[in-house]
Amino acid sequence: MKFHFCVFLQTKERVDLYLSEVFASFSRSYIQKLIDQGFLKVNGSIVTKNLKIAPRDEIEMDIQVEKLDLRSENIPIDILYEDKNMLILNKDAGINVHPTP
């Protein structure tokens, strides 16, 4: 996914901070990773994460979507309550609740 836009700022700001505000669904570390890998250009040049961008700078950003190979695990869980709207379970602290690679 490619983005190409002009910066709307009043003063100079670090590019990674600005982009983490504009793209709230991306973490700042993910944006820094894109910068480190050369997927971000400001005014046509590849940049570093501490670059201060100015009003009207032009940003080109290529978002790299990583495909995750997620596999379920057969983990015994203790279901305390379950109905059509809710599930309450007792799980160990080390068991993830969201898929991870």
PDB file of N, CA and C in Angstrom:
ATOM      1  N   MET A   1       0.849  -1.161   0.000  1.00  0.00           N
ATOM      2  CA  MET A   1       0.000   0.000   0.000  1.00  0.00           C
ATOM      3  C   MET A   1       0.902   1.233   0.000  1.00  0.00           C
ATOM      4  N   LYS A   2       0.665   2.121  -0.935  1.00  0.00           N
ATOM      5  CA  LYS A   2       1.502   3.309  -1.050  1.00  0.00           C
ATOM      6  C   LYS A   2       0.706   4.563  -0.701  1.00  0.00           C
ATOM      7  N   PHE A   3       1.375   5.457   0.009  1.00  0.00           N
ATOM      8  CA  PHE A   3       0.798   6.747   0.370  1.00  0.00           C
ATOM      9  C   PHE A   3       1.717   7.845  -0.163  1.00  0.00           C
ATOM     10  N   HIS A   4       1.111   8.911  -0.637  1.00  0.00           N
ATOM     11  CA  HIS A   4       1.867  10.062  -1.141  1.00  0.00           C
ATOM     12  C   HIS A   4       1.063  11.304  -0.740  1.00  0.00           C
ATOM     13  N   PHE A   5       1.649  12.123   0.126  1.00  0.00           N
ATOM     14  CA  PHE A   5       0.898  13.278   0.630  1.00  0.00           C
ATOM     15  C   PHE A   5       1.841  14.390   1.056  1.00  0.00           C
ATOM     16  N   CYS A   6       1.256  15.544   1.307  1.00  0.00           N
ATOM     17  CA  CYS A   6       1.995  16.733   1.724  1.00  0.00           C
ATOM     18  C   CYS A   6       1.782  16.939   3.231  1.00  0.00           C
ATOM     19  N   VAL A   7       2.840  17.329   3.926  1.00  0.00           N
ATOM     20  CA  VAL A   7       2.802  17.518   5.379  1.00  0.00           C
ATOM     21  C   VAL A   7       2.029  18.789   5.726  1.00  0.00           C
ATOM     22  N   PHE A   8       1.146  18.657   6.695  1.00  0.00           N
ATOM     23  CA  PHE A   8       0.404  19.805   7.203  1.00  0.00           C
ATOM     24  C   PHE A   8       0.816  20.012   8.655  1.00  0.00           C
ATOM     25  N   LEU A   9       1.742  20.923   8.870  1.00  0.00           N
ATOM     26  CA  LEU A   9       2.278  21.246  10.198  1.00  0.00           C
ATOM     27  C   LEU A   9       2.454  22.747  10.339  1.00  0.00           C
ATOM     28  N   GLN A  10       2.503  23.208  11.577  1.00  0.00           N
ATOM     29  CA  GLN A  10       2.811  24.616  11.841  1.00  0.00           C
ATOM     30  C   GLN A  10       4.319  24.809  12.047  1.00  0.00           C
ATOM     31  N   THR A  11       4.959  23.809  12.665  1.00  0.00           N
ATOM     32  CA  THR A  11       6.392  23.879  12.954  1.00  0.00           C
ATOM     33  C   THR A  11       7.043  22.566  12.541  1.00  0.00           C
ATOM     34  N   LYS A  12       8.366  22.512  12.607  1.00  0.00           N
ATOM     35  CA  LYS A  12       9.075  21.279  12.275  1.00  0.00           C
ATOM     36  C   LYS A  12       8.823  20.220  13.348  1.00  0.00           C
ATOM     37  N   GLU A  13       8.815  18.940  12.922  1.00  0.00           N
ATOM     38  CA  GLU A  13       8.589  17.831  13.839  1.00  0.00           C
ATOM     39  C   GLU A  13       9.298  16.600  13.295  1.00  0.00           C
ATOM     40  N   ARG A  14       9.738  15.720  14.192  1.00  0.00           N
ATOM     41  CA  ARG A  14      10.378  14.480  13.752  1.00  0.00           C
ATOM     42  C   ARG A  14       9.412  13.664  12.903  1.00  0.00           C
ATOM     43  N   VAL A  15       9.928  13.100  11.827  1.00  0.00           N
ATOM     44  CA  VAL A  15       9.085  12.377  10.882  1.00  0.00           C
ATOM     45  C   VAL A  15       8.403  11.171  11.523  1.00  0.00           C
ATOM     46  N   ASP A  16       9.096  10.428  12.389  1.00  0.00           N
ATOM     47  CA  ASP A  16       8.477   9.251  13.004  1.00  0.00           C
ATOM     48  C   ASP A  16       7.349   9.644  13.960  1.00  0.00           C
ATOM     49  N   LEU A  17       7.520  10.743  14.685  1.00  0.00           N
ATOM     50  CA  LEU A  17       6.460  11.214  15.588  1.00  0.00           C
ATOM     51  C   LEU A  17       5.240  11.690  14.798  1.00  0.00           C
ATOM     52  N   TYR A  18       5.493  12.439  13.737  1.00  0.00           N
ATOM     53  CA  TYR A  18       4.402  12.949  12.897  1.00  0.00           C
ATOM     54  C   TYR A  18       3.605  11.797  12.301  1.00  0.00           C
ATOM     55  N   LEU A  19       4.291  10.817  11.724  1.00  0.00           N
ATOM     56  CA  LEU A  19       3.595   9.720  11.073  1.00  0.00           C
ATOM     57  C   LEU A  19       2.860   8.828  12.063  1.00  0.00           C
ATOM     58  N   SER A  20       3.378   8.686  13.285  1.00  0.00           N
ATOM     59  CA  SER A  20       2.664   7.891  14.281  1.00  0.00           C
ATOM     60  C   SER A  20       1.390   8.598  14.742  1.00  0.00           C
ATOM     61  N   GLU A  21       1.327   9.905  14.599  1.00  0.00           N
ATOM     62  CA  GLU A  21       0.090  10.642  14.895  1.00  0.00           C
ATOM     63  C   GLU A  21      -0.886  10.546  13.728  1.00  0.00           C
ATOM     64  N   VAL A  22      -0.374  10.676  12.508  1.00  0.00           N
ATOM     65  CA  VAL A  22      -1.229  10.620  11.317  1.00  0.00           C
ATOM     66  C   VAL A  22      -1.800   9.219  11.128  1.00  0.00           C
ATOM     67  N   PHE A  23      -0.962   8.197  11.292  1.00  0.00           N
ATOM     68  CA  PHE A  23      -1.373   6.809  11.143  1.00  0.00           C
ATOM     69  C   PHE A  23      -1.443   6.168  12.531  1.00  0.00           C
ATOM     70  N   ALA A  24      -2.510   6.461  13.246  1.00  0.00           N
ATOM     71  CA  ALA A  24      -2.634   6.011  14.639  1.00  0.00           C
ATOM     72  C   ALA A  24      -2.675   4.497  14.765  1.00  0.00           C
ATOM     73  N   SER A  25      -3.043   3.782  13.705  1.00  0.00           N
ATOM     74  CA  SER A  25      -3.106   2.323  13.793  1.00  0.00           C
ATOM     75  C   SER A  25      -1.731   1.670  13.663  1.00  0.00           C
ATOM     76  N   PHE A  26      -0.707   2.443  13.287  1.00  0.00           N
ATOM     77  CA  PHE A  26       0.656   1.919  13.202  1.00  0.00           C
ATOM     78  C   PHE A  26       1.457   2.407  14.398  1.00  0.00           C
ATOM     79  N   SER A  27       2.192   1.502  15.012  1.00  0.00           N
ATOM     80  CA  SER A  27       3.022   1.908  16.150  1.00  0.00           C
ATOM     81  C   SER A  27       4.211   2.730  15.644  1.00  0.00           C
ATOM     82  N   ARG A  28       4.777   3.500  16.545  1.00  0.00           N
ATOM     83  CA  ARG A  28       5.954   4.295  16.181  1.00  0.00           C
ATOM     84  C   ARG A  28       7.122   3.386  15.815  1.00  0.00           C
ATOM     85  N   SER A  29       7.245   2.260  16.488  1.00  0.00           N
ATOM     86  CA  SER A  29       8.334   1.334  16.162  1.00  0.00           C
ATOM     87  C   SER A  29       8.150   0.732  14.773  1.00  0.00           C
ATOM     88  N   TYR A  30       6.897   0.492  14.361  1.00  0.00           N
ATOM     89  CA  TYR A  30       6.649  -0.016  13.002  1.00  0.00           C
ATOM     90  C   TYR A  30       7.043   1.044  11.972  1.00  0.00           C
ATOM     91  N   ILE A  31       6.694   2.294  12.241  1.00  0.00           N
ATOM     92  CA  ILE A  31       7.060   3.383  11.326  1.00  0.00           C
ATOM     93  C   ILE A  31       8.573   3.527  11.258  1.00  0.00           C
ATOM     94  N   GLN A  32       9.261   3.407  12.401  1.00  0.00           N
ATOM     95  CA  GLN A  32      10.727   3.473  12.407  1.00  0.00           C
ATOM     96  C   GLN A  32      11.320   2.318  11.607  1.00  0.00           C
ATOM     97  N   LYS A  33      10.692   1.151  11.674  1.00  0.00           N
ATOM     98  CA  LYS A  33      11.150   0.004  10.898  1.00  0.00           C
ATOM     99  C   LYS A  33      11.012   0.286   9.398  1.00  0.00           C
ATOM    100  N   LEU A  34       9.902   0.886   8.982  1.00  0.00           N
ATOM    101  CA  LEU A  34       9.725   1.258   7.571  1.00  0.00           C
ATOM    102  C   LEU A  34      10.808   2.242   7.138  1.00  0.00           C
ATOM    103  N   ILE A  35      11.109   3.201   8.010  1.00  0.00           N
ATOM    104  CA  ILE A  35      12.141   4.196   7.706  1.00  0.00           C
ATOM    105  C   ILE A  35      13.503   3.516   7.574  1.00  0.00           C
ATOM    106  N   ASP A  36      13.842   2.647   8.535  1.00  0.00           N
ATOM    107  CA  ASP A  36      15.131   1.949   8.518  1.00  0.00           C
ATOM    108  C   ASP A  36      15.297   1.076   7.272  1.00  0.00           C
ATOM    109  N   GLN A  37      14.182   0.541   6.758  1.00  0.00           N
ATOM    110  CA  GLN A  37      14.237  -0.325   5.585  1.00  0.00           C
ATOM    111  C   GLN A  37      14.147   0.454   4.266  1.00  0.00           C
ATOM    112  N   GLY A  38      14.057   1.785   4.357  1.00  0.00           N
ATOM    113  CA  GLY A  38      14.051   2.612   3.157  1.00  0.00           C
ATOM    114  C   GLY A  38      12.713   2.738   2.465  1.00  0.00           C
ATOM    115  N   PHE A  39      11.617   2.461   3.177  1.00  0.00           N
ATOM    116  CA  PHE A  39      10.289   2.540   2.582  1.00  0.00           C
ATOM    117  C   PHE A  39       9.633   3.909   2.779  1.00  0.00           C
ATOM    118  N   LEU A  40      10.404   4.893   3.205  1.00  0.00           N
ATOM    119  CA  LEU A  40       9.862   6.228   3.407  1.00  0.00           C
ATOM    120  C   LEU A  40      10.785   7.250   2.747  1.00  0.00           C
ATOM    121  N   LYS A  41      10.186   8.125   1.966  1.00  0.00           N
ATOM    122  CA  LYS A  41      10.940   9.206   1.332  1.00  0.00           C
ATOM    123  C   LYS A  41      10.291  10.531   1.680  1.00  0.00           C
ATOM    124  N   VAL A  42      11.126  11.524   1.901  1.00  0.00           N
ATOM    125  CA  VAL A  42      10.652  12.894   2.096  1.00  0.00           C
ATOM    126  C   VAL A  42      11.303  13.729   1.012  1.00  0.00           C
ATOM    127  N   ASN A  43      10.476  14.400   0.236  1.00  0.00           N
ATOM    128  CA  ASN A  43      10.928  15.210  -0.901  1.00  0.00           C
ATOM    129  C   ASN A  43      11.817  14.395  -1.844  1.00  0.00           C
ATOM    130  N   GLY A  44      11.442  13.118  -2.031  1.00  0.00           N
ATOM    131  CA  GLY A  44      12.137  12.251  -2.975  1.00  0.00           C
ATOM    132  C   GLY A  44      13.371  11.548  -2.445  1.00  0.00           C
ATOM    133  N   SER A  45      13.766  11.805  -1.205  1.00  0.00           N
ATOM    134  CA  SER A  45      14.980  11.197  -0.642  1.00  0.00           C
ATOM    135  C   SER A  45      14.640  10.274   0.517  1.00  0.00           C
ATOM    136  N   ILE A  46      15.342   9.135   0.590  1.00  0.00           N
ATOM    137  CA  ILE A  46      15.205   8.234   1.726  1.00  0.00           C
ATOM    138  C   ILE A  46      15.748   8.952   2.957  1.00  0.00           C
ATOM    139  N   VAL A  47      15.077   8.757   4.101  1.00  0.00           N
ATOM    140  CA  VAL A  47      15.388   9.549   5.295  1.00  0.00           C
ATOM    141  C   VAL A  47      15.733   8.664   6.488  1.00  0.00           C
ATOM    142  N   THR A  48      16.138   9.309   7.580  1.00  0.00           N
ATOM    143  CA  THR A  48      16.324   8.644   8.861  1.00  0.00           C
ATOM    144  C   THR A  48      15.180   9.060   9.784  1.00  0.00           C
ATOM    145  N   LYS A  49      14.977   8.274  10.846  1.00  0.00           N
ATOM    146  CA  LYS A  49      13.826   8.516  11.727  1.00  0.00           C
ATOM    147  C   LYS A  49      13.896   9.821  12.510  1.00  0.00           C
ATOM    148  N   ASN A  50      15.076  10.400  12.659  1.00  0.00           N
ATOM    149  CA  ASN A  50      15.173  11.646  13.418  1.00  0.00           C
ATOM    150  C   ASN A  50      15.114  12.895  12.530  1.00  0.00           C
ATOM    151  N   LEU A  51      14.828  12.712  11.249  1.00  0.00           N
ATOM    152  CA  LEU A  51      14.683  13.858  10.346  1.00  0.00           C
ATOM    153  C   LEU A  51      13.514  14.729  10.801  1.00  0.00           C
ATOM    154  N   LYS A  52      13.736  16.029  10.814  1.00  0.00           N
ATOM    155  CA  LYS A  52      12.643  16.944  11.147  1.00  0.00           C
ATOM    156  C   LYS A  52      12.003  17.411   9.840  1.00  0.00           C
ATOM    157  N   ILE A  53      10.715  17.104   9.707  1.00  0.00           N
ATOM    158  CA  ILE A  53       9.993  17.528   8.511  1.00  0.00           C
ATOM    159  C   ILE A  53       9.384  18.899   8.756  1.00  0.00           C
ATOM    160  N   ALA A  54       9.146  19.596   7.663  1.00  0.00           N
ATOM    161  CA  ALA A  54       8.636  20.966   7.735  1.00  0.00           C
ATOM    162  C   ALA A  54       7.300  21.048   6.984  1.00  0.00           C
ATOM    163  N   PRO A  55       6.545  22.110   7.216  1.00  0.00           N
ATOM    164  CA  PRO A  55       5.304  22.289   6.474  1.00  0.00           C
ATOM    165  C   PRO A  55       5.554  22.205   4.970  1.00  0.00           C
ATOM    166  N   ARG A  56       4.652  21.534   4.291  1.00  0.00           N
ATOM    167  CA  ARG A  56       4.659  21.336   2.832  1.00  0.00           C
ATOM    168  C   ARG A  56       5.688  20.332   2.327  1.00  0.00           C
ATOM    169  N   ASP A  57       6.424  19.655   3.221  1.00  0.00           N
ATOM    170  CA  ASP A  57       7.282  18.567   2.762  1.00  0.00           C
ATOM    171  C   ASP A  57       6.395  17.493   2.146  1.00  0.00           C
ATOM    172  N   GLU A  58       6.928  16.771   1.191  1.00  0.00           N
ATOM    173  CA  GLU A  58       6.183  15.734   0.492  1.00  0.00           C
ATOM    174  C   GLU A  58       6.665  14.361   0.967  1.00  0.00           C
ATOM    175  N   ILE A  59       5.737  13.532   1.435  1.00  0.00           N
ATOM    176  CA  ILE A  59       6.073  12.218   1.968  1.00  0.00           C
ATOM    177  C   ILE A  59       5.545  11.132   1.043  1.00  0.00           C
ATOM    178  N   GLU A  60       6.414  10.159   0.760  1.00  0.00           N
ATOM    179  CA  GLU A  60       6.028   8.939   0.042  1.00  0.00           C
ATOM    180  C   GLU A  60       6.309   7.786   0.996  1.00  0.00           C
ATOM    181  N   MET A  61       5.293   6.974   1.244  1.00  0.00           N
ATOM    182  CA  MET A  61       5.451   5.874   2.189  1.00  0.00           C
ATOM    183  C   MET A  61       4.876   4.608   1.577  1.00  0.00           C
ATOM    184  N   ASP A  62       5.654   3.532   1.645  1.00  0.00           N
ATOM    185  CA  ASP A  62       5.240   2.238   1.122  1.00  0.00           C
ATOM    186  C   ASP A  62       5.053   1.296   2.311  1.00  0.00           C
ATOM    187  N   ILE A  63       3.798   1.015   2.651  1.00  0.00           N
ATOM    188  CA  ILE A  63       3.481   0.154   3.787  1.00  0.00           C
ATOM    189  C   ILE A  63       3.649  -1.296   3.345  1.00  0.00           C
ATOM    190  N   GLN A  64       4.463  -2.021   4.078  1.00  0.00           N
ATOM    191  CA  GLN A  64       4.692  -3.433   3.793  1.00  0.00           C
ATOM    192  C   GLN A  64       3.804  -4.266   4.709  1.00  0.00           C
ATOM    193  N   VAL A  65       2.842  -4.960   4.125  1.00  0.00           N
ATOM    194  CA  VAL A  65       1.952  -5.806   4.907  1.00  0.00           C
ATOM    195  C   VAL A  65       2.606  -7.181   5.032  1.00  0.00           C
ATOM    196  N   GLU A  66       2.865  -7.561   6.257  1.00  0.00           N
ATOM    197  CA  GLU A  66       3.511  -8.840   6.510  1.00  0.00           C
ATOM    198  C   GLU A  66       2.453  -9.915   6.713  1.00  0.00           C
ATOM    199  N   LYS A  67       2.595 -11.011   5.986  1.00  0.00           N
ATOM    200  CA  LYS A  67       1.665 -12.111   6.141  1.00  0.00           C
ATOM    201  C   LYS A  67       2.133 -12.984   7.305  1.00  0.00           C
ATOM    202  N   LEU A  68       1.221 -13.235   8.222  1.00  0.00           N
ATOM    203  CA  LEU A  68       1.537 -14.072   9.370  1.00  0.00           C
ATOM    204  C   LEU A  68       0.995 -15.472   9.143  1.00  0.00           C
ATOM    205  N   ASP A  69       1.789 -16.449   9.457  1.00  0.00           N
ATOM    206  CA  ASP A  69       1.355 -17.829   9.384  1.00  0.00           C
ATOM    207  C   ASP A  69       0.952 -18.247  10.786  1.00  0.00           C
ATOM    208  N   LEU A  70      -0.332 -18.091  11.089  1.00  0.00           N
ATOM    209  CA  LEU A  70      -0.827 -18.378  12.429  1.00  0.00           C
ATOM    210  C   LEU A  70      -1.419 -19.778  12.476  1.00  0.00           C
ATOM    211  N   ARG A  71      -1.061 -20.494  13.507  1.00  0.00           N
ATOM    212  CA  ARG A  71      -1.591 -21.842  13.702  1.00  0.00           C
ATOM    213  C   ARG A  71      -2.173 -21.931  15.103  1.00  0.00           C
ATOM    214  N   SER A  72      -3.320 -22.558  15.183  1.00  0.00           N
ATOM    215  CA  SER A  72      -3.941 -22.705  16.499  1.00  0.00           C
ATOM    216  C   SER A  72      -3.232 -23.801  17.285  1.00  0.00           C
ATOM    217  N   GLU A  73      -3.317 -23.670  18.584  1.00  0.00           N
ATOM    218  CA  GLU A  73      -2.751 -24.674  19.481  1.00  0.00           C
ATOM    219  C   GLU A  73      -3.890 -25.284  20.289  1.00  0.00           C
ATOM    220  N   ASN A  74      -3.755 -26.539  20.588  1.00  0.00           N
ATOM    221  CA  ASN A  74      -4.749 -27.202  21.417  1.00  0.00           C
ATOM    222  C   ASN A  74      -4.347 -27.002  22.881  1.00  0.00           C
ATOM    223  N   ILE A  75      -4.917 -25.981  23.493  1.00  0.00           N
ATOM    224  CA  ILE A  75      -4.576 -25.630  24.872  1.00  0.00           C
ATOM    225  C   ILE A  75      -5.809 -25.866  25.744  1.00  0.00           C
ATOM    226  N   PRO A  76      -5.675 -26.693  26.758  1.00  0.00           N
ATOM    227  CA  PRO A  76      -6.829 -26.894  27.643  1.00  0.00           C
ATOM    228  C   PRO A  76      -7.103 -25.622  28.455  1.00  0.00           C
ATOM    229  N   ILE A  77      -8.354 -25.193  28.449  1.00  0.00           N
ATOM    230  CA  ILE A  77      -8.733 -24.005  29.215  1.00  0.00           C
ATOM    231  C   ILE A  77      -9.899 -24.360  30.138  1.00  0.00           C
ATOM    232  N   ASP A  78     -10.004 -23.622  31.194  1.00  0.00           N
ATOM    233  CA  ASP A  78     -11.043 -23.832  32.195  1.00  0.00           C
ATOM    234  C   ASP A  78     -12.149 -22.800  31.968  1.00  0.00           C
ATOM    235  N   ILE A  79     -13.267 -23.235  31.361  1.00  0.00           N
ATOM    236  CA  ILE A  79     -14.389 -22.326  31.101  1.00  0.00           C
ATOM    237  C   ILE A  79     -15.245 -22.240  32.357  1.00  0.00           C
ATOM    238  N   LEU A  80     -15.349 -21.018  32.895  1.00  0.00           N
ATOM    239  CA  LEU A  80     -16.120 -20.794  34.117  1.00  0.00           C
ATOM    240  C   LEU A  80     -17.587 -20.512  33.818  1.00  0.00           C
ATOM    241  N   TYR A  81     -17.844 -19.805  32.717  1.00  0.00           N
ATOM    242  CA  TYR A  81     -19.221 -19.462  32.343  1.00  0.00           C
ATOM    243  C   TYR A  81     -19.263 -19.217  30.843  1.00  0.00           C
ATOM    244  N   GLU A  82     -20.370 -19.644  30.209  1.00  0.00           N
ATOM    245  CA  GLU A  82     -20.520 -19.405  28.773  1.00  0.00           C
ATOM    246  C   GLU A  82     -22.000 -19.305  28.431  1.00  0.00           C
ATOM    247  N   ASP A  83     -22.350 -18.271  27.671  1.00  0.00           N
ATOM    248  CA  ASP A  83     -23.673 -18.176  27.069  1.00  0.00           C
ATOM    249  C   ASP A  83     -23.498 -17.614  25.663  1.00  0.00           C
ATOM    250  N   LYS A  84     -24.588 -17.249  24.994  1.00  0.00           N
ATOM    251  CA  LYS A  84     -24.472 -16.806  23.597  1.00  0.00           C
ATOM    252  C   LYS A  84     -23.771 -15.451  23.441  1.00  0.00           C
ATOM    253  N   ASN A  85     -23.635 -14.674  24.521  1.00  0.00           N
ATOM    254  CA  ASN A  85     -23.023 -13.349  24.455  1.00  0.00           C
ATOM    255  C   ASN A  85     -21.670 -13.239  25.149  1.00  0.00           C
ATOM    256  N   MET A  86     -21.337 -14.210  25.991  1.00  0.00           N
ATOM    257  CA  MET A  86     -20.165 -14.021  26.832  1.00  0.00           C
ATOM    258  C   MET A  86     -19.507 -15.361  27.155  1.00  0.00           C
ATOM    259  N   LEU A  87     -18.187 -15.262  27.366  1.00  0.00           N
ATOM    260  CA  LEU A  87     -17.412 -16.413  27.802  1.00  0.00           C
ATOM    261  C   LEU A  87     -16.459 -15.934  28.893  1.00  0.00           C
ATOM    262  N   ILE A  88     -16.452 -16.605  30.001  1.00  0.00           N
ATOM    263  CA  ILE A  88     -15.520 -16.307  31.086  1.00  0.00           C
ATOM    264  C   ILE A  88     -14.656 -17.545  31.267  1.00  0.00           C
ATOM    265  N   LEU A  89     -13.341 -17.329  31.213  1.00  0.00           N
ATOM    266  CA  LEU A  89     -12.455 -18.468  31.367  1.00  0.00           C
ATOM    267  C   LEU A  89     -11.333 -18.151  32.323  1.00  0.00           C
ATOM    268  N   ASN A  90     -10.743 -19.192  32.846  1.00  0.00           N
ATOM    269  CA  ASN A  90      -9.620 -19.094  33.759  1.00  0.00           C
ATOM    270  C   ASN A  90      -8.407 -19.610  32.994  1.00  0.00           C
ATOM    271  N   LYS A  91      -7.442 -18.721  32.699  1.00  0.00           N
ATOM    272  CA  LYS A  91      -6.275 -19.125  31.919  1.00  0.00           C
ATOM    273  C   LYS A  91      -5.005 -18.758  32.671  1.00  0.00           C
ATOM    274  N   ASP A  92      -3.945 -19.473  32.351  1.00  0.00           N
ATOM    275  CA  ASP A  92      -2.642 -19.148  32.926  1.00  0.00           C
ATOM    276  C   ASP A  92      -2.153 -17.817  32.386  1.00  0.00           C
ATOM    277  N   ALA A  93      -1.309 -17.130  33.133  1.00  0.00           N
ATOM    278  CA  ALA A  93      -0.809 -15.809  32.743  1.00  0.00           C
ATOM    279  C   ALA A  93       0.004 -15.849  31.451  1.00  0.00           C
ATOM    280  N   GLY A  94       0.664 -16.945  31.145  1.00  0.00           N
ATOM    281  CA  GLY A  94       1.524 -17.009  29.964  1.00  0.00           C
ATOM    282  C   GLY A  94       0.809 -17.330  28.673  1.00  0.00           C
ATOM    283  N   ILE A  95      -0.496 -17.590  28.712  1.00  0.00           N
ATOM    284  CA  ILE A  95      -1.238 -17.922  27.497  1.00  0.00           C
ATOM    285  C   ILE A  95      -1.716 -16.640  26.827  1.00  0.00           C
ATOM    286  N   ASN A  96      -1.366 -16.466  25.532  1.00  0.00           N
ATOM    287  CA  ASN A  96      -1.792 -15.278  24.793  1.00  0.00           C
ATOM    288  C   ASN A  96      -3.287 -15.310  24.514  1.00  0.00           C
ATOM    289  N   VAL A  97      -3.889 -14.138  24.462  1.00  0.00           N
ATOM    290  CA  VAL A  97      -5.300 -14.037  24.120  1.00  0.00           C
ATOM    291  C   VAL A  97      -5.500 -13.577  22.686  1.00  0.00           C
ATOM    292  N   HIS A  98      -4.430 -13.116  22.024  1.00  0.00           N
ATOM    293  CA  HIS A  98      -4.471 -12.700  20.634  1.00  0.00           C
ATOM    294  C   HIS A  98      -3.480 -13.535  19.845  1.00  0.00           C
ATOM    295  N   PRO A  99      -3.775 -13.782  18.577  1.00  0.00           N
ATOM    296  CA  PRO A  99      -2.829 -14.563  17.765  1.00  0.00           C
ATOM    297  C   PRO A  99      -1.474 -13.876  17.657  1.00  0.00           C
ATOM    298  N   THR A 100      -0.422 -14.666  17.702  1.00  0.00           N
ATOM    299  CA  THR A 100       0.929 -14.174  17.530  1.00  0.00           C
ATOM    300  C   THR A 100       1.673 -15.119  16.597  1.00  0.00           C
ATOM    301  N   PRO A 101       2.675 -14.617  15.905  1.00  0.00           N
ATOM    302  CA  PRO A 101       3.419 -15.502  15.005  1.00  0.00           C
ATOM    303  C   PRO A 101       4.247 -16.512  15.772  1.00  0.00           C
TER     304      PRO A 101
END
